Amino acid sequence: MLLAHSRGRKGASAVELAVLLPFLLFLFLIGTDFARVFYLKMAVDNCAQAGARWAADDNPAHRRESGHADVTSASLAAAPGLNPTPAVTMSGPAAVTSGGKSYPAYQVTVTLEFQPATRFVWSLFGIPDSVRLTKTVEIRQLPT
């Protein structure tokens, strides 16, 4: 009796897999895109912080030892291998007054355009095809 019942369900698991596989693949791709966004946001934050630290260090010996010629190379060294390469801009020094004293301050901004792998899905929900990740860090240079 059991054998007759199991013969009628032959191939049912293959059909279930065929129905669920696109949904599971979709979930995997969405999860991957969100993980990439969070990783790239942390990388952009680290780049901006590294560039600001390099800009605020006015000791020429420290700058030579770092091995970086400018703010851009110091920023990009904090997250090597990013594709596309982030844009790095610096402004400063600008005078910032704190406690009656004036200190030079630098602003480093790092911007990266993120292109999700599931652009077609994002557009269904009204989310743009690309997301701009930006971080601006301002650092003051204290006297040594």
C-alpha atoms as a PDB file:
ATOM      1  CA  MET A   1       0.000   0.000   0.000  1.00  0.00           C
ATOM      2  CA  LEU A   2       2.824   2.445   0.814  1.00  0.00           C
ATOM      3  CA  LEU A   3       4.589   1.685  -2.441  1.00  0.00           C
ATOM      4  CA  ALA A   4       1.563   2.707  -4.484  1.00  0.00           C
ATOM      5  CA  HIS A   5       1.322   6.029  -2.641  1.00  0.00           C
ATOM      6  CA  SER A   6       5.046   6.902  -3.071  1.00  0.00           C
ATOM      7  CA  ARG A   7       4.946   6.217  -6.814  1.00  0.00           C
ATOM      8  CA  GLY A   8       2.411   9.005  -7.310  1.00  0.00           C
ATOM      9  CA  ARG A   9       4.774  11.563  -5.692  1.00  0.00           C
ATOM     10  CA  LYS A  10       7.728  10.747  -7.889  1.00  0.00           C
ATOM     11  CA  GLY A  11       9.357  13.989  -9.031  1.00  0.00           C
ATOM     12  CA  ALA A  12       7.462  16.179  -6.559  1.00  0.00           C
ATOM     13  CA  SER A  13      10.639  17.379  -4.881  1.00  0.00           C
ATOM     14  CA  ALA A  14      12.106  18.342  -8.278  1.00  0.00           C
ATOM     15  CA  VAL A  15       9.018  20.436  -9.003  1.00  0.00           C
ATOM     16  CA  GLU A  16       9.217  22.075  -5.560  1.00  0.00           C
ATOM     17  CA  LEU A  17      12.872  22.901  -6.168  1.00  0.00           C
ATOM     18  CA  ALA A  18      12.054  24.345  -9.598  1.00  0.00           C
ATOM     19  CA  VAL A  19       9.394  26.564  -8.050  1.00  0.00           C
ATOM     20  CA  LEU A  20      11.484  27.726  -5.068  1.00  0.00           C
ATOM     21  CA  LEU A  21      14.895  28.079  -6.732  1.00  0.00           C
ATOM     22  CA  PRO A  22      14.214  31.483  -8.401  1.00  0.00           C
ATOM     23  CA  PHE A  23      12.946  32.876  -5.095  1.00  0.00           C
ATOM     24  CA  LEU A  24      15.973  31.555  -3.192  1.00  0.00           C
ATOM     25  CA  LEU A  25      18.339  32.936  -5.818  1.00  0.00           C
ATOM     26  CA  PHE A  26      16.572  36.301  -5.596  1.00  0.00           C
ATOM     27  CA  LEU A  27      16.993  36.367  -1.800  1.00  0.00           C
ATOM     28  CA  PHE A  28      20.663  35.468  -2.147  1.00  0.00           C
ATOM     29  CA  LEU A  29      21.316  38.297  -4.633  1.00  0.00           C
ATOM     30  CA  ILE A  30      19.465  40.875  -2.515  1.00  0.00           C
ATOM     31  CA  GLY A  31      21.421  39.783   0.572  1.00  0.00           C
ATOM     32  CA  THR A  32      24.677  40.017  -1.354  1.00  0.00           C
ATOM     33  CA  ASP A  33      23.875  43.545  -2.539  1.00  0.00           C
ATOM     34  CA  PHE A  34      23.067  44.736   0.981  1.00  0.00           C
ATOM     35  CA  ALA A  35      26.270  43.163   2.305  1.00  0.00           C
ATOM     36  CA  ARG A  36      28.253  44.936  -0.433  1.00  0.00           C
ATOM     37  CA  VAL A  37      26.647  48.294   0.451  1.00  0.00           C
ATOM     38  CA  PHE A  38      27.576  47.936   4.120  1.00  0.00           C
ATOM     39  CA  TYR A  39      31.134  46.819   3.291  1.00  0.00           C
ATOM     40  CA  LEU A  40      31.671  49.682   0.845  1.00  0.00           C
ATOM     41  CA  LYS A  41      30.240  52.216   3.307  1.00  0.00           C
ATOM     42  CA  MET A  42      32.745  51.092   5.944  1.00  0.00           C
ATOM     43  CA  ALA A  43      35.545  51.272   3.359  1.00  0.00           C
ATOM     44  CA  VAL A  44      34.527  54.829   2.366  1.00  0.00           C
ATOM     45  CA  ASP A  45      34.457  55.840   6.054  1.00  0.00           C
ATOM     46  CA  ASN A  46      37.947  54.397   6.604  1.00  0.00           C
ATOM     47  CA  CYS A  47      39.293  56.169   3.511  1.00  0.00           C
ATOM     48  CA  ALA A  48      37.987  59.546   4.679  1.00  0.00           C
ATOM     49  CA  GLN A  49      39.422  59.083   8.173  1.00  0.00           C
ATOM     50  CA  ALA A  50      42.849  58.027   6.861  1.00  0.00           C
ATOM     51  CA  GLY A  51      42.978  60.991   4.481  1.00  0.00           C
ATOM     52  CA  ALA A  52      42.023  63.431   7.227  1.00  0.00           C
ATOM     53  CA  ARG A  53      44.684  62.041   9.564  1.00  0.00           C
ATOM     54  CA  TRP A  54      47.307  62.413   6.832  1.00  0.00           C
ATOM     55  CA  ALA A  55      46.202  65.995   6.065  1.00  0.00           C
ATOM     56  CA  ALA A  56      46.311  67.063   9.705  1.00  0.00           C
ATOM     57  CA  ASP A  57      49.801  65.669  10.318  1.00  0.00           C
ATOM     58  CA  ASP A  58      52.100  68.617   9.580  1.00  0.00           C
ATOM     59  CA  ASN A  59      55.293  66.744  10.436  1.00  0.00           C
ATOM     60  CA  PRO A  60      57.180  66.174   7.148  1.00  0.00           C
ATOM     61  CA  ALA A  61      59.003  63.172   8.612  1.00  0.00           C
ATOM     62  CA  HIS A  62      55.718  61.436   9.438  1.00  0.00           C
ATOM     63  CA  ARG A  63      54.409  62.125   5.951  1.00  0.00           C
ATOM     64  CA  ARG A  64      57.559  60.666   4.349  1.00  0.00           C
ATOM     65  CA  GLU A  65      57.388  57.596   6.588  1.00  0.00           C
ATOM     66  CA  SER A  66      53.766  56.990   5.617  1.00  0.00           C
ATOM     67  CA  GLY A  67      54.834  56.468   2.007  1.00  0.00           C
ATOM     68  CA  HIS A  68      51.976  58.558   0.642  1.00  0.00           C
ATOM     69  CA  ALA A  69      52.523  61.598  -1.525  1.00  0.00           C
ATOM     70  CA  ASP A  70      49.147  63.238  -0.955  1.00  0.00           C
ATOM     71  CA  VAL A  71      45.737  62.951   0.698  1.00  0.00           C
ATOM     72  CA  THR A  72      44.306  60.891  -2.169  1.00  0.00           C
ATOM     73  CA  SER A  73      46.940  58.172  -1.970  1.00  0.00           C
ATOM     74  CA  ALA A  74      46.707  58.094   1.840  1.00  0.00           C
ATOM     75  CA  SER A  75      42.919  57.754   1.639  1.00  0.00           C
ATOM     76  CA  LEU A  76      42.897  55.048  -1.014  1.00  0.00           C
ATOM     77  CA  ALA A  77      45.538  53.034   0.832  1.00  0.00           C
ATOM     78  CA  ALA A  78      43.024  52.512   3.652  1.00  0.00           C
ATOM     79  CA  ALA A  79      40.851  50.383   1.353  1.00  0.00           C
ATOM     80  CA  PRO A  80      42.864  48.985  -1.549  1.00  0.00           C
ATOM     81  CA  GLY A  81      41.183  47.246  -4.437  1.00  0.00           C
ATOM     82  CA  LEU A  82      37.891  49.127  -4.456  1.00  0.00           C
ATOM     83  CA  ASN A  83      36.267  49.087  -7.864  1.00  0.00           C
ATOM     84  CA  PRO A  84      35.363  51.713  -8.942  1.00  0.00           C
ATOM     85  CA  THR A  85      37.986  53.833  -7.237  1.00  0.00           C
ATOM     86  CA  PRO A  86      36.454  56.411  -4.872  1.00  0.00           C
ATOM     87  CA  ALA A  87      36.801  60.135  -5.543  1.00  0.00           C
ATOM     88  CA  VAL A  88      38.740  61.992  -2.839  1.00  0.00           C
ATOM     89  CA  THR A  89      38.561  65.756  -2.295  1.00  0.00           C
ATOM     90  CA  MET A  90      40.179  67.872   0.388  1.00  0.00           C
ATOM     91  CA  SER A  91      39.530  71.403   1.547  1.00  0.00           C
ATOM     92  CA  GLY A  92      41.594  73.324   4.006  1.00  0.00           C
ATOM     93  CA  PRO A  93      43.304  74.442   5.961  1.00  0.00           C
ATOM     94  CA  ALA A  94      40.530  76.661   7.235  1.00  0.00           C
ATOM     95  CA  ALA A  95      40.772  78.441  10.563  1.00  0.00           C
ATOM     96  CA  VAL A  96      38.480  77.025  13.248  1.00  0.00           C
ATOM     97  CA  THR A  97      38.198  78.846  16.562  1.00  0.00           C
ATOM     98  CA  SER A  98      37.829  76.814  19.725  1.00  0.00           C
ATOM     99  CA  GLY A  99      38.248  78.141  23.250  1.00  0.00           C
ATOM    100  CA  GLY A 100      39.476  81.492  21.986  1.00  0.00           C
ATOM    101  CA  LYS A 101      42.273  79.873  19.946  1.00  0.00           C
ATOM    102  CA  SER A 102      42.409  79.376  16.202  1.00  0.00           C
ATOM    103  CA  TYR A 103      43.358  75.991  14.751  1.00  0.00           C
ATOM    104  CA  PRO A 104      43.685  74.859  11.145  1.00  0.00           C
ATOM    105  CA  ALA A 105      41.043  72.345  10.109  1.00  0.00           C
ATOM    106  CA  TYR A 106      40.885  70.047   7.099  1.00  0.00           C
ATOM    107  CA  GLN A 107      37.908  68.395   5.445  1.00  0.00           C
ATOM    108  CA  VAL A 108      38.324  65.214   3.433  1.00  0.00           C
ATOM    109  CA  THR A 109      35.382  63.872   1.437  1.00  0.00           C
ATOM    110  CA  VAL A 110      35.338  60.431  -0.156  1.00  0.00           C
ATOM    111  CA  THR A 111      32.606  59.501  -2.637  1.00  0.00           C
ATOM    112  CA  LEU A 112      31.889  56.145  -4.284  1.00  0.00           C
ATOM    113  CA  GLU A 113      29.142  55.184  -6.742  1.00  0.00           C
ATOM    114  CA  PHE A 114      27.712  51.765  -5.899  1.00  0.00           C
ATOM    115  CA  GLN A 115      26.149  49.750  -8.729  1.00  0.00           C
ATOM    116  CA  PRO A 116      24.034  46.895  -7.323  1.00  0.00           C
ATOM    117  CA  ALA A 117      24.010  43.525  -9.026  1.00  0.00           C
ATOM    118  CA  THR A 118      20.213  43.477  -8.828  1.00  0.00           C
ATOM    119  CA  ARG A 119      19.524  46.869 -10.445  1.00  0.00           C
ATOM    120  CA  PHE A 120      16.406  45.564 -12.149  1.00  0.00           C
ATOM    121  CA  VAL A 121      14.882  44.594  -8.786  1.00  0.00           C
ATOM    122  CA  TRP A 122      15.806  47.908  -7.179  1.00  0.00           C
ATOM    123  CA  SER A 123      14.070  49.806  -9.994  1.00  0.00           C
ATOM    124  CA  LEU A 124      10.830  47.868  -9.323  1.00  0.00           C
ATOM    125  CA  PHE A 125      10.699  49.439  -5.857  1.00  0.00           C
ATOM    126  CA  GLY A 126      11.657  52.936  -7.024  1.00  0.00           C
ATOM    127  CA  ILE A 127      15.233  52.734  -5.748  1.00  0.00           C
ATOM    128  CA  PRO A 128      17.788  54.389  -8.094  1.00  0.00           C
ATOM    129  CA  ASP A 129      20.099  52.231 -10.216  1.00  0.00           C
ATOM    130  CA  SER A 130      23.139  53.488  -8.342  1.00  0.00           C
ATOM    131  CA  VAL A 131      23.729  54.643  -4.792  1.00  0.00           C
ATOM    132  CA  ARG A 132      26.252  57.340  -3.905  1.00  0.00           C
ATOM    133  CA  LEU A 133      28.177  56.588  -0.709  1.00  0.00           C
ATOM    134  CA  THR A 134      29.808  59.706   0.763  1.00  0.00           C
ATOM    135  CA  LYS A 135      31.732  60.428   3.946  1.00  0.00           C
ATOM    136  CA  THR A 136      33.159  63.795   5.019  1.00  0.00           C
ATOM    137  CA  VAL A 137      35.604  63.959   7.906  1.00  0.00           C
ATOM    138  CA  GLU A 138      36.735  67.228   9.462  1.00  0.00           C
ATOM    139  CA  ILE A 139      39.828  67.175  11.618  1.00  0.00           C
ATOM    140  CA  ARG A 140      41.533  69.963  13.550  1.00  0.00           C
ATOM    141  CA  GLN A 141      45.267  70.296  13.740  1.00  0.00           C
ATOM    142  CA  LEU A 142      46.291  70.937  17.321  1.00  0.00           C
ATOM    143  CA  PRO A 143      49.628  72.580  18.073  1.00  0.00           C
ATOM    144  CA  THR A 144      52.412  70.212  19.059  1.00  0.00           C
END
